[in-house]
Amino acid sequence: MSGPILPKTEGILAVWRVGLVAYRDALRRECHRHKCYDAGEAAIREAYPDLPRKEASVHIVNAVVWASIHHLEWLRNGVPRREWIWPPDHRGVGRHRNPGYEDV
């Protein structure tokens, strides 16, 4: 088993911050989790264009894991819960949407 996921340098932490801000913004817009990761990866690649796509993808995944452990309150602050979007009796049948949640 590998060790804990931590930023090894200040440079890596800066890369992660860029991705996490975009990831959190996508969460606030109630995007699917996959779209949130894509937004974080795109932000990293825009800020660091010499970084390969695969490496940017690894960075955003590691950044989200790290933030989920060490900064969960910041990551989730102001993000709606799924129960607010789908009714509790959803049970996976059909797509029940509340009005105003078009990107879910």
Protein backbone atom coordinates (compact mmCIF):
# COMPACT_ATOMS: atom_id res chain seq x y z
CA MET A 1 0.00 0.00 0.00
CA SER A 2 1.33 3.42 -0.87
CA GLY A 3 1.76 6.25 1.57
CA PRO A 4 -0.54 9.22 2.06
CA ILE A 5 -1.11 11.56 -0.85
CA LEU A 6 0.62 14.83 -0.06
CA PRO A 7 2.01 17.62 -2.24
CA LYS A 8 5.77 17.03 -2.40
CA THR A 9 6.74 20.62 -3.20
CA GLU A 10 5.24 24.09 -3.20
CA GLY A 11 5.16 23.88 -7.00
CA ILE A 12 2.94 20.78 -6.89
CA LEU A 13 0.71 22.46 -4.32
CA ALA A 14 0.32 25.43 -6.67
CA VAL A 15 -0.73 23.08 -9.48
CA TRP A 16 -3.22 21.37 -7.17
CA ARG A 17 -4.69 24.71 -6.03
CA VAL A 18 -5.44 25.71 -9.62
CA GLY A 19 -7.22 22.42 -10.26
CA LEU A 20 -9.08 22.40 -6.95
CA VAL A 21 -10.54 25.87 -7.45
CA ALA A 22 -11.94 24.80 -10.84
CA TYR A 23 -13.14 21.47 -9.39
CA ARG A 24 -14.93 23.22 -6.53
CA ASP A 25 -16.50 25.73 -8.91
CA ALA A 26 -17.88 22.86 -11.00
CA LEU A 27 -19.23 21.24 -7.81
CA ARG A 28 -21.01 24.49 -6.96
CA ARG A 29 -22.58 24.45 -10.43
CA GLU A 30 -23.79 20.94 -9.58
CA CYS A 31 -21.96 19.22 -12.40
CA HIS A 32 -21.44 15.47 -12.50
CA ARG A 33 -18.30 14.37 -10.70
CA HIS A 34 -16.66 13.50 -14.05
CA LYS A 35 -17.25 17.05 -15.31
CA CYS A 36 -15.72 18.40 -12.10
CA TYR A 37 -12.55 16.40 -12.71
CA ASP A 38 -12.50 17.57 -16.34
CA ALA A 39 -12.81 21.19 -15.22
CA GLY A 40 -9.92 20.77 -12.78
CA GLU A 41 -7.76 19.08 -15.41
CA ALA A 42 -8.53 21.81 -17.97
CA ALA A 43 -7.62 24.53 -15.46
CA ILE A 44 -4.31 22.83 -14.70
CA ARG A 45 -3.50 22.45 -18.39
CA GLU A 46 -4.40 26.09 -19.05
CA ALA A 47 -2.19 27.34 -16.22
CA TYR A 48 0.63 24.88 -17.03
CA PRO A 49 0.50 24.26 -20.81
CA ASP A 50 3.75 22.25 -20.83
CA LEU A 51 2.17 19.61 -18.53
CA PRO A 52 0.96 16.50 -20.42
CA ARG A 53 -2.76 15.69 -20.20
CA LYS A 54 -2.16 12.40 -18.39
CA GLU A 55 -0.03 14.11 -15.74
CA ALA A 56 -2.66 16.86 -15.27
CA SER A 57 -5.27 14.14 -14.79
CA VAL A 58 -3.16 12.43 -12.12
CA HIS A 59 -2.61 15.79 -10.40
CA ILE A 60 -6.33 16.61 -10.16
CA VAL A 61 -7.20 13.16 -8.82
CA ASN A 62 -4.45 13.39 -6.18
CA ALA A 63 -5.46 16.96 -5.33
CA VAL A 64 -9.10 15.99 -4.75
CA VAL A 65 -8.08 13.03 -2.57
CA TRP A 66 -5.75 15.26 -0.56
CA ALA A 67 -8.38 18.01 -0.18
CA SER A 68 -11.05 15.47 0.76
CA ILE A 69 -8.89 14.31 3.65
CA HIS A 70 -7.28 17.55 4.83
CA HIS A 71 -9.65 20.31 3.67
CA LEU A 72 -13.07 18.72 3.30
CA GLU A 73 -14.94 21.69 4.77
CA TRP A 74 -13.39 24.06 2.21
CA LEU A 75 -13.99 21.63 -0.65
CA ARG A 76 -17.67 21.08 0.19
CA ASN A 77 -18.58 24.53 1.54
CA GLY A 78 -21.60 25.84 -0.30
CA VAL A 79 -22.02 22.72 -2.44
CA PRO A 80 -25.58 21.34 -2.47
CA ARG A 81 -26.20 17.81 -1.27
CA ARG A 82 -27.56 15.19 -3.70
CA GLU A 83 -30.71 14.78 -1.60
CA TRP A 84 -31.63 18.35 -2.52
CA ILE A 85 -31.53 17.45 -6.21
CA TRP A 86 -33.17 14.01 -6.32
CA PRO A 87 -36.05 13.05 -4.03
CA PRO A 88 -35.26 10.39 -1.39
CA ASP A 89 -37.61 7.89 -3.10
CA HIS A 90 -35.68 8.14 -6.39
CA ARG A 91 -34.44 4.50 -6.23
CA GLY A 92 -32.63 4.85 -9.54
CA VAL A 93 -35.79 4.64 -11.67
CA GLY A 94 -36.12 7.44 -14.21
CA ARG A 95 -34.62 10.90 -13.84
CA HIS A 96 -36.49 13.04 -11.34
CA ARG A 97 -35.19 16.59 -11.43
CA ASN A 98 -36.12 19.59 -9.42
CA PRO A 99 -36.58 22.73 -11.53
CA GLY A 100 -33.41 24.76 -11.94
CA TYR A 101 -30.99 21.83 -11.84
CA GLU A 102 -30.31 21.49 -15.56
CA ASP A 103 -26.63 20.49 -15.35
CA VAL A 104 -27.11 17.48 -13.10
